[in-house]
Structure formats: structure tokens, C-alpha cells
Amino acid sequence: MKNANTFKSKISNITKLDGTLTKHDCEAAFVLCDYFSSTLREVHTDSVDITQGKEFTLTVTRDDVLKSLLKLRPDKSPGPDNMHPMLLRETAQNIVEPLTLIFQKSVKEGRVPDDWKRANVTPIYKKGPKCQAENYRPIGHLA
């Protein structure tokens, strides 16, 4: 049997831009957020051609959505929407129709709701001094 005693280490002593150390987790979160944001590059979707000159059609079917819902692992944590995978999996037959319509509308309009672009980000320590934001990498968790 696996040991259920797990914990998340606190990351409260991160060096700020002024050289001082953060004192609280919330303050460290802002420093890490600023650092992670500065390392990302913005992608302009209107200049990206994912089809590479080929005919491209994306079709979302009821069966695709149902299959994806049934593949969700019930032992995982909820994502940023706070919907537990077990709930989604157990109610799959009831929610598959509305979800399919939502996905089809998104594909048709070529838009993704802003809420779908959000993720929980966990800083994972890599190496070097733990007080430097550069020594952490962001890991995003989606539902």
C-alpha cells in the first residue's frame, strides 16, 4: 500500500528583483509568476499555419468526447475549473451532448474560451540555489 503522507514543500525564500528574500508564500508566488511570464514568448495565432498548406478539417463527435471522458483518471486532482475527473467520468453519459456542442461551436468559430487557457502552475525545483527563481521550472496542470 502506498504511503498517503505527502506534502508540498514551501517556497517562501525567493530572491526578489531588489535582492531581498520573500517572506511569505504569496510573495514568492508573485516573484515566480513574474519570472515564468518573462521566459514565455507570445505566439500570434493569425501568423501560424498549422495546416502547412494542406486541407485541414477538425471534427468533434459525440463518440470522441465520450471516449475522452471515460479515459479520465479518477485518482487525479481537479484542474483549474475545480471539476474532479471522477465526477466528469461518472457523469459522462449525461454531459457528453452539451460538451460536444460546446466543442463543435469552439471549432466552428475558431475560438477557445479564456477559461480553457488557464492552468494551475507548480514550480518544480531543478538545481542550484533554491532561493533563485531561475532554478525552478513551471509545470502546468490541466483538468
Protein backbone atom coordinates (compact mmCIF):
# COMPACT_ATOMS: atom_id res chain seq x y z
CA MET A 1 0.00 0.00 0.00
CA LYS A 2 1.28 3.45 -0.89
CA ASN A 3 2.03 5.87 1.88
CA ALA A 4 -0.61 8.60 1.82
CA ASN A 5 1.58 11.03 3.73
CA THR A 6 2.58 13.52 1.06
CA PHE A 7 3.29 17.19 1.44
CA LYS A 8 4.22 20.13 -0.68
CA SER A 9 7.35 21.98 0.33
CA LYS A 10 7.02 25.68 0.93
CA ILE A 11 8.81 28.02 -1.41
CA SER A 12 8.89 31.24 0.56
CA ASN A 13 12.52 32.38 0.36
CA ILE A 14 12.95 33.50 -3.24
CA THR A 15 15.19 36.43 -4.14
CA LYS A 16 13.23 39.47 -5.37
CA LEU A 17 14.50 41.90 -8.01
CA ASP A 18 15.75 44.23 -5.26
CA GLY A 19 17.91 41.41 -3.85
CA THR A 20 15.88 40.79 -0.69
CA LEU A 21 14.21 37.47 0.11
CA THR A 22 10.48 36.94 0.11
CA LYS A 23 8.94 36.20 3.50
CA HIS A 24 5.62 34.61 2.53
CA ASP A 25 4.48 32.01 0.03
CA CYS A 26 2.17 34.51 -1.65
CA GLU A 27 5.04 36.92 -2.21
CA ALA A 28 7.20 34.09 -3.61
CA ALA A 29 4.35 33.09 -5.94
CA PHE A 30 4.33 36.58 -7.47
CA VAL A 31 8.11 36.53 -7.97
CA LEU A 32 7.95 33.10 -9.63
CA CYS A 33 4.97 34.19 -11.74
CA ASP A 34 6.86 37.26 -12.97
CA TYR A 35 9.91 35.15 -13.80
CA PHE A 36 7.94 32.41 -15.58
CA SER A 37 5.98 35.03 -17.54
CA SER A 38 9.18 36.74 -18.64
CA THR A 39 10.52 33.49 -20.11
CA LEU A 40 7.45 32.83 -22.28
CA ARG A 41 7.11 34.13 -25.78
CA GLU A 42 3.82 35.22 -27.22
CA VAL A 43 2.51 33.31 -30.21
CA HIS A 44 0.28 35.17 -32.63
CA THR A 45 -2.16 32.57 -33.92
CA ASP A 46 -3.06 34.58 -37.01
CA SER A 47 0.51 34.13 -38.27
CA VAL A 48 0.75 30.40 -37.51
CA ASP A 49 -0.35 27.98 -40.24
CA ILE A 50 -0.95 24.63 -38.56
CA THR A 51 -2.18 23.09 -41.80
CA GLN A 52 1.06 23.81 -43.71
CA GLY A 53 -0.87 24.36 -46.94
CA LYS A 54 -2.94 21.19 -46.64
CA GLU A 55 -6.70 20.89 -46.34
CA PHE A 56 -7.48 20.65 -42.63
CA THR A 57 -10.78 19.81 -41.01
CA LEU A 58 -11.34 19.11 -37.35
CA THR A 59 -14.49 17.28 -36.44
CA VAL A 60 -15.58 16.71 -32.85
CA THR A 61 -18.00 13.83 -32.49
CA ARG A 62 -20.08 12.64 -29.57
CA ASP A 63 -18.09 9.38 -29.54
CA ASP A 64 -14.77 11.29 -29.36
CA VAL A 65 -15.96 13.31 -26.38
CA LEU A 66 -17.40 10.28 -24.60
CA LYS A 67 -14.22 8.28 -25.17
CA SER A 68 -12.14 11.13 -23.72
CA LEU A 69 -14.40 11.49 -20.69
CA LEU A 70 -14.22 7.76 -19.97
CA LYS A 71 -10.40 7.85 -20.18
CA LEU A 72 -10.16 10.41 -17.35
CA ARG A 73 -8.30 9.03 -14.35
CA PRO A 74 -10.43 9.26 -11.21
CA ASP A 75 -7.34 9.26 -8.97
CA LYS A 76 -6.14 12.64 -10.30
CA SER A 77 -6.81 16.05 -8.79
CA PRO A 78 -9.24 18.62 -10.18
CA GLY A 79 -7.87 21.20 -12.58
CA PRO A 80 -8.32 24.98 -12.51
CA ASP A 81 -12.08 24.52 -13.06
CA ASN A 82 -12.31 22.52 -9.81
CA MET A 83 -14.17 19.74 -11.64
CA HIS A 84 -12.96 16.42 -10.31
CA PRO A 85 -12.11 13.88 -13.06
CA MET A 86 -14.13 11.25 -11.20
CA LEU A 87 -17.24 13.44 -11.43
CA LEU A 88 -16.71 14.04 -15.15
CA ARG A 89 -16.15 10.35 -15.77
CA GLU A 90 -19.14 9.19 -13.72
CA THR A 91 -21.50 11.69 -15.39
CA ALA A 92 -20.08 11.21 -18.89
CA GLN A 93 -23.32 9.83 -20.38
CA ASN A 94 -25.24 12.88 -19.11
CA ILE A 95 -22.79 15.61 -20.07
CA VAL A 96 -21.49 14.29 -23.40
CA GLU A 97 -24.15 16.06 -25.53
CA PRO A 98 -23.67 19.60 -24.16
CA LEU A 99 -19.88 19.22 -24.13
CA THR A 100 -19.91 18.04 -27.75
CA LEU A 101 -21.96 21.10 -28.75
CA ILE A 102 -19.56 23.41 -26.91
CA PHE A 103 -16.50 21.84 -28.56
CA GLN A 104 -18.13 21.93 -32.01
CA LYS A 105 -19.02 25.61 -31.58
CA SER A 106 -15.46 26.38 -30.48
CA VAL A 107 -14.02 24.67 -33.57
CA LYS A 108 -16.56 26.32 -35.89
CA GLU A 109 -15.84 29.82 -34.54
CA GLY A 110 -12.09 29.21 -34.26
CA ARG A 111 -12.12 30.47 -30.68
CA VAL A 112 -11.25 28.91 -27.35
CA PRO A 113 -12.89 30.27 -24.17
CA ASP A 114 -10.46 32.18 -21.95
CA ASP A 115 -11.12 29.79 -19.06
CA TRP A 116 -9.70 26.95 -21.18
CA LYS A 117 -6.40 28.80 -21.46
CA ARG A 118 -5.81 28.79 -17.71
CA ALA A 119 -3.82 26.24 -15.76
CA ASN A 120 -2.52 25.64 -12.27
CA VAL A 121 1.24 26.09 -12.36
CA THR A 122 3.54 24.39 -9.88
CA PRO A 123 7.18 25.47 -9.59
CA ILE A 124 9.46 22.42 -9.69
CA TYR A 125 12.98 22.82 -8.32
CA LYS A 126 15.70 21.94 -10.87
CA LYS A 127 19.15 22.61 -9.40
CA GLY A 128 21.27 25.35 -7.90
CA PRO A 129 20.34 27.71 -5.07
CA LYS A 130 16.70 27.27 -4.10
CA CYS A 131 16.36 30.99 -3.47
CA GLN A 132 16.64 31.86 -7.19
CA ALA A 133 13.52 31.80 -9.36
CA GLU A 134 15.66 30.72 -12.35
CA ASN A 135 16.22 27.38 -10.65
CA TYR A 136 12.55 26.39 -10.88
CA ARG A 137 10.58 25.29 -13.91
CA PRO A 138 6.85 25.80 -14.32
CA ILE A 139 4.69 22.70 -14.69
CA GLY A 140 1.13 23.34 -15.79
CA HIS A 141 -1.74 21.13 -14.65
CA LEU A 142 -4.93 20.99 -16.68
CA ALA A 143 -8.11 19.19 -15.88
